[in-house]
C-alpha cells in the first residue's frame, strides 16, 4: 500500500514512532496511537527530534530532510461509559456530563442556566432544575437532595432513565429528558 503527499497514515501501534517519522518526512499527515509511558518516552521524543531535524535516521538523506512541521499530542480521558455492578448496566461515567445537553434541556424547559456549584443547573422563579444522564435511582436522588439542602423551594430533576421505585418529597418532580434532545445529543 502506498500514499501520496498530504494523505493520511494511521499507525495504531506506534511503538517507537518510526512510521510517523517516515510519514512526516515524506509530507504525509499521520495519526499515531500508543498506550502508556511509551507514547512519551519513545513516540513523542522521536517526532520532536524529526521536527527539530535532530533525527536524521531512515530516509532523511534521501529526501533532504531539514526538519519542520508540527504535531498535536493528545491524551485520552476516562471512559465515557462504566459498568455499574449493582445495576448490572453500562451507564455514563459519573465523572462526565454533557454540558450541551444540560443547556438544551434548561432552554427547552424554560430555565435559566445557573452555576451548578450545589447540584442545581437551572432556575426559573422559585423552581430549580437538575439534569442527569445517569440512571435515576433513589440513592442518586437522596445524594442530590443532601447536596442541595434548602437552596430551592421546588426542584425538577430531568433524567434519561428513571427507576420506577423512587420515593420523593412533594417539592420534587421527576421528568424524563425529552427524546428529541436525547437523540440530538446522542445520549
N, C-alpha and C. Protein backbone atom coordinates (compact mmCIF):
# COMPACT_ATOMS: atom_id res chain seq x y z
N UNK A 1 0.85 -1.17 0.00
CA UNK A 1 0.00 0.00 0.00
C UNK A 1 0.90 1.24 0.00
N UNK A 2 0.51 2.22 -0.76
CA UNK A 2 1.30 3.45 -0.81
C UNK A 2 0.40 4.65 -0.57
N UNK A 3 1.04 5.75 -0.25
CA UNK A 3 0.32 7.01 -0.07
C UNK A 3 1.04 8.09 -0.84
N UNK A 4 0.33 9.18 -1.06
CA UNK A 4 0.96 10.33 -1.70
C UNK A 4 0.95 11.49 -0.73
N UNK A 5 1.67 12.53 -1.08
CA UNK A 5 1.80 13.70 -0.22
C UNK A 5 0.43 14.19 0.24
N UNK A 6 0.34 14.57 1.52
CA UNK A 6 -0.85 15.08 2.19
C UNK A 6 -1.93 14.04 2.47
N UNK A 7 -1.71 12.78 2.12
CA UNK A 7 -2.64 11.74 2.52
C UNK A 7 -2.33 11.34 3.96
N UNK A 8 -3.27 10.62 4.57
CA UNK A 8 -3.11 10.21 5.97
C UNK A 8 -2.51 8.82 6.09
N UNK A 9 -1.68 8.68 7.12
CA UNK A 9 -1.13 7.39 7.50
C UNK A 9 -1.54 7.16 8.95
N UNK A 10 -2.15 6.01 9.23
CA UNK A 10 -2.57 5.67 10.58
C UNK A 10 -1.70 4.54 11.10
N UNK A 11 -1.12 4.75 12.27
CA UNK A 11 -0.33 3.72 12.94
C UNK A 11 -0.94 3.51 14.31
N UNK A 12 -1.76 2.48 14.44
CA UNK A 12 -2.48 2.27 15.69
C UNK A 12 -1.65 1.59 16.77
N UNK A 13 -0.45 1.16 16.45
CA UNK A 13 0.50 0.63 17.43
C UNK A 13 1.84 1.30 17.14
N UNK A 14 1.99 2.53 17.58
CA UNK A 14 3.09 3.38 17.15
C UNK A 14 4.48 2.90 17.57
N UNK A 15 4.57 2.13 18.63
CA UNK A 15 5.88 1.59 19.03
C UNK A 15 6.91 2.66 19.28
N UNK A 16 7.92 2.73 18.42
CA UNK A 16 8.99 3.71 18.60
C UNK A 16 8.75 4.98 17.77
N UNK A 17 7.68 5.01 16.99
CA UNK A 17 7.35 6.20 16.21
C UNK A 17 7.93 6.21 14.81
N UNK A 18 8.47 5.09 14.35
CA UNK A 18 9.12 5.05 13.04
C UNK A 18 8.15 5.39 11.91
N UNK A 19 6.96 4.81 11.91
CA UNK A 19 6.00 5.08 10.84
C UNK A 19 5.65 6.56 10.79
N UNK A 20 5.40 7.16 11.94
CA UNK A 20 5.10 8.59 11.98
C UNK A 20 6.27 9.43 11.51
N UNK A 21 7.48 9.03 11.89
CA UNK A 21 8.68 9.78 11.48
C UNK A 21 8.84 9.75 9.97
N UNK A 22 8.71 8.57 9.37
CA UNK A 22 8.85 8.45 7.92
C UNK A 22 7.72 9.19 7.22
N UNK A 23 6.49 9.02 7.70
CA UNK A 23 5.34 9.71 7.09
C UNK A 23 5.55 11.22 7.13
N UNK A 24 6.04 11.74 8.24
CA UNK A 24 6.26 13.18 8.38
C UNK A 24 7.32 13.66 7.38
N UNK A 25 8.41 12.92 7.28
CA UNK A 25 9.49 13.31 6.37
C UNK A 25 9.07 13.23 4.91
N UNK A 26 8.07 12.38 4.61
CA UNK A 26 7.57 12.25 3.24
C UNK A 26 6.39 13.17 2.95
N UNK A 27 6.06 14.05 3.91
CA UNK A 27 4.99 15.01 3.68
C UNK A 27 3.60 14.44 3.84
N UNK A 28 3.47 13.33 4.56
CA UNK A 28 2.16 12.76 4.82
C UNK A 28 1.62 13.31 6.12
N UNK A 29 0.32 13.30 6.24
CA UNK A 29 -0.32 13.59 7.53
C UNK A 29 -0.37 12.25 8.25
N UNK A 30 -0.27 12.27 9.55
CA UNK A 30 -0.21 11.00 10.26
C UNK A 30 -0.93 11.05 11.59
N UNK A 31 -1.39 9.89 12.00
CA UNK A 31 -2.00 9.71 13.31
C UNK A 31 -1.33 8.49 13.92
N UNK A 32 -0.78 8.67 15.10
CA UNK A 32 -0.18 7.55 15.80
C UNK A 32 -0.93 7.34 17.11
N UNK A 33 -1.05 6.09 17.49
CA UNK A 33 -1.70 5.74 18.75
C UNK A 33 -0.76 4.84 19.53
N UNK A 34 -0.55 5.19 20.77
CA UNK A 34 0.30 4.36 21.64
C UNK A 34 -0.18 4.51 23.06
N UNK A 35 -0.11 3.44 23.82
CA UNK A 35 -0.57 3.43 25.20
C UNK A 35 0.59 3.57 26.17
N UNK A 36 0.27 4.09 27.34
CA UNK A 36 1.24 4.13 28.43
C UNK A 36 2.39 5.09 28.22
N UNK A 37 3.43 4.89 29.01
CA UNK A 37 4.59 5.77 29.00
C UNK A 37 5.31 5.77 27.66
N UNK A 38 5.19 4.68 26.92
CA UNK A 38 5.85 4.55 25.62
C UNK A 38 5.51 5.72 24.70
N UNK A 39 4.30 6.24 24.83
CA UNK A 39 3.87 7.36 23.99
C UNK A 39 4.79 8.57 24.18
N UNK A 40 5.20 8.81 25.42
CA UNK A 40 6.07 9.95 25.70
C UNK A 40 7.55 9.62 25.57
N UNK A 41 7.93 8.46 26.11
CA UNK A 41 9.36 8.13 26.14
C UNK A 41 9.92 7.78 24.77
N UNK A 42 9.07 7.32 23.85
CA UNK A 42 9.55 6.93 22.53
C UNK A 42 8.95 7.78 21.41
N UNK A 43 7.62 7.73 21.27
CA UNK A 43 6.96 8.40 20.14
C UNK A 43 7.12 9.91 20.16
N UNK A 44 6.74 10.53 21.27
CA UNK A 44 6.82 11.99 21.37
C UNK A 44 8.25 12.46 21.16
N UNK A 45 9.17 11.82 21.85
CA UNK A 45 10.58 12.19 21.75
C UNK A 45 11.09 12.04 20.31
N UNK A 46 10.70 10.95 19.66
CA UNK A 46 11.14 10.70 18.28
C UNK A 46 10.62 11.77 17.34
N UNK A 47 9.33 12.07 17.41
CA UNK A 47 8.75 13.05 16.48
C UNK A 47 9.24 14.46 16.75
N UNK A 48 9.51 14.78 18.00
CA UNK A 48 10.09 16.09 18.31
C UNK A 48 11.46 16.19 17.64
N UNK A 49 12.22 15.10 17.68
CA UNK A 49 13.53 15.06 17.02
C UNK A 49 13.41 15.21 15.51
N UNK A 50 12.37 14.64 14.92
CA UNK A 50 12.14 14.77 13.47
C UNK A 50 11.88 16.23 13.13
N UNK A 51 11.00 16.86 13.86
CA UNK A 51 10.63 18.25 13.59
C UNK A 51 11.81 19.20 13.79
N UNK A 52 12.62 18.93 14.81
CA UNK A 52 13.79 19.77 15.10
C UNK A 52 15.00 19.41 14.24
N UNK A 53 14.84 18.46 13.30
CA UNK A 53 15.91 17.98 12.41
C UNK A 53 17.05 17.31 13.16
N UNK A 54 16.81 16.88 14.39
CA UNK A 54 17.81 16.14 15.16
C UNK A 54 17.81 14.68 14.69
N UNK A 55 16.63 14.14 14.40
CA UNK A 55 16.50 12.77 13.91
C UNK A 55 16.79 12.77 12.42
N UNK A 56 17.94 12.27 12.04
CA UNK A 56 18.34 12.19 10.64
C UNK A 56 18.43 10.73 10.19
N UNK A 57 17.71 9.86 10.89
CA UNK A 57 17.74 8.44 10.55
C UNK A 57 16.81 8.15 9.38
N UNK A 58 16.87 6.90 8.90
CA UNK A 58 15.95 6.45 7.86
C UNK A 58 16.13 7.18 6.54
N UNK A 59 15.07 7.75 6.02
CA UNK A 59 15.07 8.36 4.69
C UNK A 59 15.48 9.82 4.68
N UNK A 60 15.99 10.32 5.78
CA UNK A 60 16.32 11.75 5.87
C UNK A 60 17.23 12.22 4.75
N UNK A 61 18.29 11.46 4.48
CA UNK A 61 19.23 11.86 3.42
C UNK A 61 18.57 11.80 2.05
N UNK A 62 17.79 10.75 1.81
CA UNK A 62 17.14 10.58 0.50
C UNK A 62 16.20 11.72 0.17
N UNK A 63 15.51 12.26 1.18
CA UNK A 63 14.53 13.32 0.92
C UNK A 63 15.08 14.70 1.28
N UNK A 64 16.33 14.75 1.74
CA UNK A 64 16.92 16.04 2.12
C UNK A 64 16.21 16.67 3.31
N UNK A 65 15.93 15.85 4.32
CA UNK A 65 15.15 16.32 5.47
C UNK A 65 15.87 17.41 6.24
N UNK A 66 15.20 18.56 6.40
CA UNK A 66 15.75 19.70 7.13
C UNK A 66 14.95 20.04 8.39
N UNK A 67 13.98 19.22 8.71
CA UNK A 67 13.13 19.49 9.87
C UNK A 67 11.92 20.32 9.48
N UNK A 68 11.09 20.60 10.47
CA UNK A 68 9.91 21.44 10.26
C UNK A 68 8.61 20.70 10.47
N UNK A 69 7.55 21.47 10.44
CA UNK A 69 6.22 20.91 10.67
C UNK A 69 5.87 20.92 12.15
N UNK A 70 4.90 20.18 12.50
CA UNK A 70 4.47 20.10 13.89
C UNK A 70 3.46 18.99 14.07
N UNK A 71 3.03 18.80 15.30
CA UNK A 71 2.02 17.80 15.59
C UNK A 71 1.31 18.16 16.88
N UNK A 72 0.17 17.53 17.08
CA UNK A 72 -0.59 17.71 18.32
C UNK A 72 -0.55 16.39 19.08
N UNK A 73 -0.39 16.50 20.38
CA UNK A 73 -0.30 15.33 21.24
C UNK A 73 -1.51 15.33 22.16
N UNK A 74 -2.27 14.26 22.14
CA UNK A 74 -3.48 14.17 22.95
C UNK A 74 -3.40 12.99 23.89
N UNK A 75 -4.02 13.15 25.06
CA UNK A 75 -4.17 12.05 26.00
C UNK A 75 -5.65 11.77 26.14
N UNK A 76 -6.01 10.50 26.12
CA UNK A 76 -7.40 10.13 26.29
C UNK A 76 -7.81 10.30 27.74
N UNK A 77 -9.04 10.71 27.94
CA UNK A 77 -9.58 10.85 29.29
C UNK A 77 -10.21 9.55 29.75
N UNK A 78 -10.94 9.63 30.83
CA UNK A 78 -11.65 8.47 31.35
C UNK A 78 -12.69 8.01 30.34
N UNK A 79 -13.06 6.76 30.43
CA UNK A 79 -14.08 6.20 29.56
C UNK A 79 -15.42 6.90 29.82
N UNK A 80 -16.17 7.15 28.75
CA UNK A 80 -17.48 7.77 28.88
C UNK A 80 -18.47 6.82 29.56
N UNK A 81 -18.29 5.53 29.34
CA UNK A 81 -19.20 4.54 29.91
C UNK A 81 -18.48 3.67 30.92
N UNK A 82 -19.17 3.32 32.00
CA UNK A 82 -18.63 2.42 33.02
C UNK A 82 -19.70 1.39 33.37
N UNK A 83 -19.25 0.29 33.92
CA UNK A 83 -20.17 -0.76 34.34
C UNK A 83 -20.60 -0.50 35.78
N UNK A 84 -21.90 -0.41 36.01
CA UNK A 84 -22.43 -0.29 37.36
C UNK A 84 -22.73 -1.70 37.84
N UNK A 85 -21.92 -2.19 38.77
CA UNK A 85 -22.03 -3.57 39.23
C UNK A 85 -23.36 -3.82 39.95
N UNK A 86 -23.86 -2.85 40.71
CA UNK A 86 -25.12 -3.03 41.43
C UNK A 86 -26.30 -3.17 40.47
N UNK A 87 -26.31 -2.31 39.46
CA UNK A 87 -27.42 -2.32 38.50
C UNK A 87 -27.22 -3.36 37.39
N UNK A 88 -25.99 -3.80 37.24
CA UNK A 88 -25.61 -4.69 36.13
C UNK A 88 -25.95 -4.05 34.80
N UNK A 89 -25.61 -2.76 34.70
CA UNK A 89 -25.85 -1.98 33.49
C UNK A 89 -24.60 -1.19 33.14
N UNK A 90 -24.46 -0.90 31.87
CA UNK A 90 -23.45 0.06 31.46
C UNK A 90 -24.09 1.43 31.54
N UNK A 91 -23.45 2.34 32.27
CA UNK A 91 -24.01 3.68 32.47
C UNK A 91 -22.96 4.72 32.11
N UNK A 92 -23.39 5.95 31.95
CA UNK A 92 -22.46 7.03 31.69
C UNK A 92 -21.62 7.26 32.94
N UNK A 93 -20.33 7.39 32.75
CA UNK A 93 -19.39 7.59 33.85
C UNK A 93 -19.84 8.80 34.68
N UNK A 94 -19.99 8.63 36.00
CA UNK A 94 -20.44 9.74 36.85
C UNK A 94 -19.51 10.96 36.79
N UNK A 95 -18.27 10.79 36.34
CA UNK A 95 -17.34 11.91 36.23
C UNK A 95 -17.66 12.80 35.03
N UNK A 96 -18.48 12.29 34.12
CA UNK A 96 -18.77 13.01 32.88
C UNK A 96 -20.17 13.62 32.93
N UNK A 97 -20.34 14.68 32.19
CA UNK A 97 -21.69 15.19 31.97
C UNK A 97 -21.70 15.93 30.65
N UNK A 98 -22.85 16.01 30.06
CA UNK A 98 -23.00 16.61 28.75
C UNK A 98 -23.50 18.04 28.92
N UNK A 99 -22.59 18.98 28.99
CA UNK A 99 -22.94 20.38 29.20
C UNK A 99 -23.91 20.92 28.16
N UNK A 100 -23.73 20.49 26.91
CA UNK A 100 -24.64 20.94 25.85
C UNK A 100 -26.05 20.43 26.07
N UNK A 101 -26.15 19.18 26.52
CA UNK A 101 -27.47 18.61 26.80
C UNK A 101 -28.13 19.35 27.96
N UNK A 102 -27.37 19.62 29.00
CA UNK A 102 -27.92 20.36 30.16
C UNK A 102 -28.47 21.70 29.71
N UNK A 103 -27.68 22.44 28.92
CA UNK A 103 -28.13 23.75 28.44
C UNK A 103 -29.41 23.63 27.60
N UNK A 104 -29.45 22.61 26.74
CA UNK A 104 -30.62 22.43 25.87
C UNK A 104 -31.87 22.11 26.68
N UNK A 105 -31.76 21.21 27.65
CA UNK A 105 -32.91 20.87 28.50
C UNK A 105 -33.41 22.11 29.22
N UNK A 106 -32.49 22.86 29.79
CA UNK A 106 -32.89 24.07 30.52
C UNK A 106 -33.60 25.06 29.61
N UNK A 107 -33.07 25.25 28.41
CA UNK A 107 -33.67 26.21 27.49
C UNK A 107 -35.07 25.76 27.07
N UNK A 108 -35.19 24.50 26.66
CA UNK A 108 -36.48 23.98 26.21
C UNK A 108 -37.52 24.01 27.33
N UNK A 109 -37.08 23.77 28.56
CA UNK A 109 -37.99 23.70 29.69
C UNK A 109 -38.18 25.05 30.40
N UNK A 110 -37.55 26.11 29.89
CA UNK A 110 -37.78 27.45 30.42
C UNK A 110 -36.96 27.84 31.64
N UNK A 111 -35.82 27.19 31.83
CA UNK A 111 -34.94 27.52 32.96
C UNK A 111 -33.76 28.36 32.48
N UNK A 112 -33.25 29.17 33.38
CA UNK A 112 -32.06 29.97 33.13
C UNK A 112 -30.87 29.19 33.72
N UNK A 113 -29.78 29.11 32.98
CA UNK A 113 -28.59 28.40 33.42
C UNK A 113 -28.06 29.02 34.71
N UNK A 114 -27.67 28.16 35.64
CA UNK A 114 -27.17 28.59 36.94
C UNK A 114 -25.83 27.92 37.17
N UNK A 115 -24.96 28.54 37.91
CA UNK A 115 -23.69 27.91 38.26
C UNK A 115 -23.99 26.66 39.09
N UNK A 116 -23.61 25.46 38.57
CA UNK A 116 -24.01 24.22 39.25
C UNK A 116 -23.12 23.84 40.43
N UNK A 117 -22.81 24.80 41.29
CA UNK A 117 -21.92 24.51 42.42
C UNK A 117 -22.58 23.66 43.50
N UNK A 118 -23.89 23.58 43.50
CA UNK A 118 -24.56 22.79 44.54
C UNK A 118 -25.51 21.75 43.95
N UNK A 119 -25.27 21.34 42.72
CA UNK A 119 -26.10 20.31 42.10
C UNK A 119 -27.27 20.84 41.30
N UNK A 120 -27.54 22.13 41.39
CA UNK A 120 -28.64 22.72 40.63
C UNK A 120 -28.09 23.34 39.35
N UNK A 121 -28.72 23.02 38.22
CA UNK A 121 -28.22 23.51 36.94
C UNK A 121 -28.98 24.72 36.42
N UNK A 122 -30.25 24.85 36.79
CA UNK A 122 -31.04 25.94 36.26
C UNK A 122 -32.05 26.46 37.28
N UNK A 123 -32.59 27.65 36.96
CA UNK A 123 -33.55 28.28 37.87
C UNK A 123 -34.63 28.97 37.03
N UNK A 124 -35.86 28.93 37.52
CA UNK A 124 -36.97 29.64 36.92
C UNK A 124 -37.90 30.04 38.05
N UNK A 125 -37.85 31.30 38.44
CA UNK A 125 -38.61 31.76 39.60
C UNK A 125 -38.08 31.08 40.85
N UNK A 126 -38.96 30.35 41.54
CA UNK A 126 -38.53 29.64 42.75
C UNK A 126 -38.30 28.15 42.48
N UNK A 127 -38.37 27.76 41.21
CA UNK A 127 -38.15 26.36 40.84
C UNK A 127 -36.74 26.18 40.29
N UNK A 128 -36.07 25.16 40.79
CA UNK A 128 -34.72 24.84 40.34
C UNK A 128 -34.75 23.57 39.50
N UNK A 129 -33.72 23.38 38.68
CA UNK A 129 -33.64 22.18 37.84
C UNK A 129 -32.28 21.51 37.96
N UNK A 130 -32.32 20.21 37.86
CA UNK A 130 -31.10 19.40 37.83
C UNK A 130 -31.27 18.43 36.66
N UNK A 131 -30.21 18.27 35.85
CA UNK A 131 -30.26 17.39 34.68
C UNK A 131 -29.19 16.32 34.82
N UNK A 132 -29.57 15.08 34.61
CA UNK A 132 -28.58 14.00 34.66
C UNK A 132 -28.82 13.01 33.53
N UNK A 133 -27.72 12.47 33.03
CA UNK A 133 -27.79 11.40 32.05
C UNK A 133 -27.72 10.04 32.74
N UNK A 134 -27.52 10.06 34.04
CA UNK A 134 -27.42 8.82 34.80
C UNK A 134 -28.79 8.17 34.96
N UNK A 135 -28.78 6.89 35.26
CA UNK A 135 -30.00 6.18 35.63
C UNK A 135 -30.41 6.74 36.98
N UNK A 136 -31.60 7.29 37.07
CA UNK A 136 -32.03 7.98 38.29
C UNK A 136 -32.55 6.97 39.31
N UNK A 137 -31.77 6.77 40.35
CA UNK A 137 -32.10 5.83 41.42
C UNK A 137 -32.46 6.60 42.68
N UNK A 138 -32.97 5.89 43.67
CA UNK A 138 -33.27 6.51 44.96
C UNK A 138 -31.99 7.05 45.59
N UNK A 139 -30.92 6.30 45.47
CA UNK A 139 -29.64 6.74 46.04
C UNK A 139 -29.18 8.05 45.39
N UNK A 140 -29.33 8.16 44.06
CA UNK A 140 -28.95 9.38 43.35
C UNK A 140 -29.77 10.55 43.87
N UNK A 141 -31.09 10.37 43.96
CA UNK A 141 -31.98 11.44 44.43
C UNK A 141 -31.61 11.85 45.86
N UNK A 142 -31.42 10.88 46.74
CA UNK A 142 -31.08 11.18 48.14
C UNK A 142 -29.77 11.94 48.24
N UNK A 143 -28.77 11.52 47.47
CA UNK A 143 -27.47 12.21 47.48
C UNK A 143 -27.62 13.64 46.97
N UNK A 144 -28.39 13.81 45.90
CA UNK A 144 -28.62 15.15 45.34
C UNK A 144 -29.33 16.04 46.35
N UNK A 145 -30.36 15.53 47.00
CA UNK A 145 -31.11 16.33 47.97
C UNK A 145 -30.24 16.73 49.16
N UNK A 146 -29.36 15.85 49.59
CA UNK A 146 -28.42 16.19 50.66
C UNK A 146 -27.47 17.30 50.23
N UNK A 147 -27.05 17.24 48.96
CA UNK A 147 -26.14 18.27 48.43
C UNK A 147 -26.84 19.62 48.30
N UNK A 148 -28.07 19.59 47.83
CA UNK A 148 -28.83 20.83 47.60
C UNK A 148 -29.27 21.47 48.91
N UNK A 149 -29.67 20.65 49.86
CA UNK A 149 -30.15 21.19 51.14
C UNK A 149 -31.43 21.99 50.94
N UNK A 150 -31.48 23.20 51.51
CA UNK A 150 -32.68 24.04 51.41
C UNK A 150 -32.49 25.19 50.41
N UNK A 151 -31.69 24.96 49.38
CA UNK A 151 -31.39 26.02 48.42
C UNK A 151 -32.48 26.23 47.36
N UNK A 152 -33.52 25.40 47.38
CA UNK A 152 -34.61 25.56 46.41
C UNK A 152 -35.93 25.12 47.04
N UNK A 153 -37.01 25.85 46.68
CA UNK A 153 -38.33 25.50 47.21
C UNK A 153 -38.96 24.35 46.43
N UNK A 154 -38.68 24.30 45.13
CA UNK A 154 -39.22 23.24 44.28
C UNK A 154 -38.13 22.84 43.29
N UNK A 155 -37.96 21.55 43.07
CA UNK A 155 -36.89 21.07 42.19
C UNK A 155 -37.47 20.09 41.17
N UNK A 156 -37.10 20.30 39.91
CA UNK A 156 -37.43 19.35 38.85
C UNK A 156 -36.14 18.64 38.47
N UNK A 157 -36.16 17.32 38.53
CA UNK A 157 -34.99 16.53 38.15
C UNK A 157 -35.29 15.87 36.80
N UNK A 158 -34.45 16.16 35.81
CA UNK A 158 -34.58 15.58 34.48
C UNK A 158 -33.56 14.45 34.36
N UNK A 159 -34.01 13.30 33.85
CA UNK A 159 -33.11 12.16 33.70
C UNK A 159 -33.43 11.40 32.42
N UNK A 160 -32.45 10.66 31.94
CA UNK A 160 -32.63 9.83 30.75
C UNK A 160 -33.50 8.62 31.08
N UNK A 161 -33.12 7.91 32.13
CA UNK A 161 -33.88 6.74 32.56
C UNK A 161 -34.15 6.87 34.05
N UNK A 162 -35.32 6.40 34.47
CA UNK A 162 -35.77 6.66 35.83
C UNK A 162 -36.25 5.35 36.48
N UNK A 163 -35.80 5.10 37.68
CA UNK A 163 -36.26 3.94 38.44
C UNK A 163 -37.74 4.08 38.74
N UNK A 164 -38.47 2.99 38.66
CA UNK A 164 -39.90 3.03 38.95
C UNK A 164 -40.18 3.00 40.45
N UNK A 165 -39.14 2.84 41.25
CA UNK A 165 -39.31 2.70 42.71
C UNK A 165 -38.94 3.96 43.49
N UNK A 166 -38.89 5.10 42.82
CA UNK A 166 -38.49 6.33 43.51
C UNK A 166 -39.55 6.83 44.47
N UNK A 167 -39.08 7.30 45.61
CA UNK A 167 -39.94 7.97 46.59
C UNK A 167 -39.33 9.34 46.83
N UNK A 168 -40.06 10.37 46.42
CA UNK A 168 -39.52 11.73 46.53
C UNK A 168 -40.49 12.62 47.30
N UNK A 169 -39.96 13.64 47.97
CA UNK A 169 -40.83 14.59 48.68
C UNK A 169 -41.73 15.35 47.70
N UNK A 170 -42.75 16.00 48.23
CA UNK A 170 -43.70 16.74 47.40
C UNK A 170 -43.07 17.87 46.61
N UNK A 171 -41.96 18.41 47.09
CA UNK A 171 -41.34 19.54 46.39
C UNK A 171 -40.38 19.09 45.28
N UNK A 172 -40.37 17.80 44.96
CA UNK A 172 -39.54 17.26 43.89
C UNK A 172 -40.44 16.70 42.80
N UNK A 173 -40.12 17.04 41.55
CA UNK A 173 -40.82 16.46 40.41
C UNK A 173 -39.76 15.80 39.53
N UNK A 174 -40.06 14.60 39.07
CA UNK A 174 -39.14 13.86 38.21
C UNK A 174 -39.70 13.87 36.79
N UNK A 175 -38.85 14.25 35.82
CA UNK A 175 -39.27 14.25 34.42
C UNK A 175 -38.19 13.56 33.58
N UNK A 176 -38.63 12.92 32.52
CA UNK A 176 -37.69 12.31 31.58
C UNK A 176 -37.20 13.39 30.63
N UNK A 177 -35.90 13.34 30.29
CA UNK A 177 -35.35 14.27 29.30
C UNK A 177 -36.08 14.00 27.99
N UNK A 178 -36.56 15.05 27.31
CA UNK A 178 -37.28 14.85 26.05
C UNK A 178 -36.47 14.03 25.03
N UNK A 179 -37.14 13.06 24.39
CA UNK A 179 -36.47 12.18 23.42
C UNK A 179 -35.76 12.95 22.32
N UNK A 180 -36.37 14.03 21.86
CA UNK A 180 -35.75 14.80 20.78
C UNK A 180 -34.36 15.31 21.19
N UNK A 181 -34.19 15.66 22.45
CA UNK A 181 -32.88 16.12 22.93
C UNK A 181 -31.93 14.95 23.12
N UNK A 182 -32.43 13.82 23.60
CA UNK A 182 -31.57 12.65 23.76
C UNK A 182 -31.00 12.22 22.42
N UNK A 183 -31.82 12.26 21.38
CA UNK A 183 -31.36 11.89 20.04
C UNK A 183 -30.35 12.91 19.51
N UNK A 184 -30.66 14.18 19.70
CA UNK A 184 -29.78 15.23 19.18
C UNK A 184 -28.39 15.16 19.80
N UNK A 185 -28.33 14.83 21.09
CA UNK A 185 -27.05 14.81 21.79
C UNK A 185 -26.49 13.40 21.95
N UNK A 186 -27.02 12.46 21.16
CA UNK A 186 -26.52 11.08 21.13
C UNK A 186 -26.42 10.44 22.49
N UNK A 187 -27.45 10.62 23.30
CA UNK A 187 -27.45 10.04 24.64
C UNK A 187 -28.33 8.81 24.64
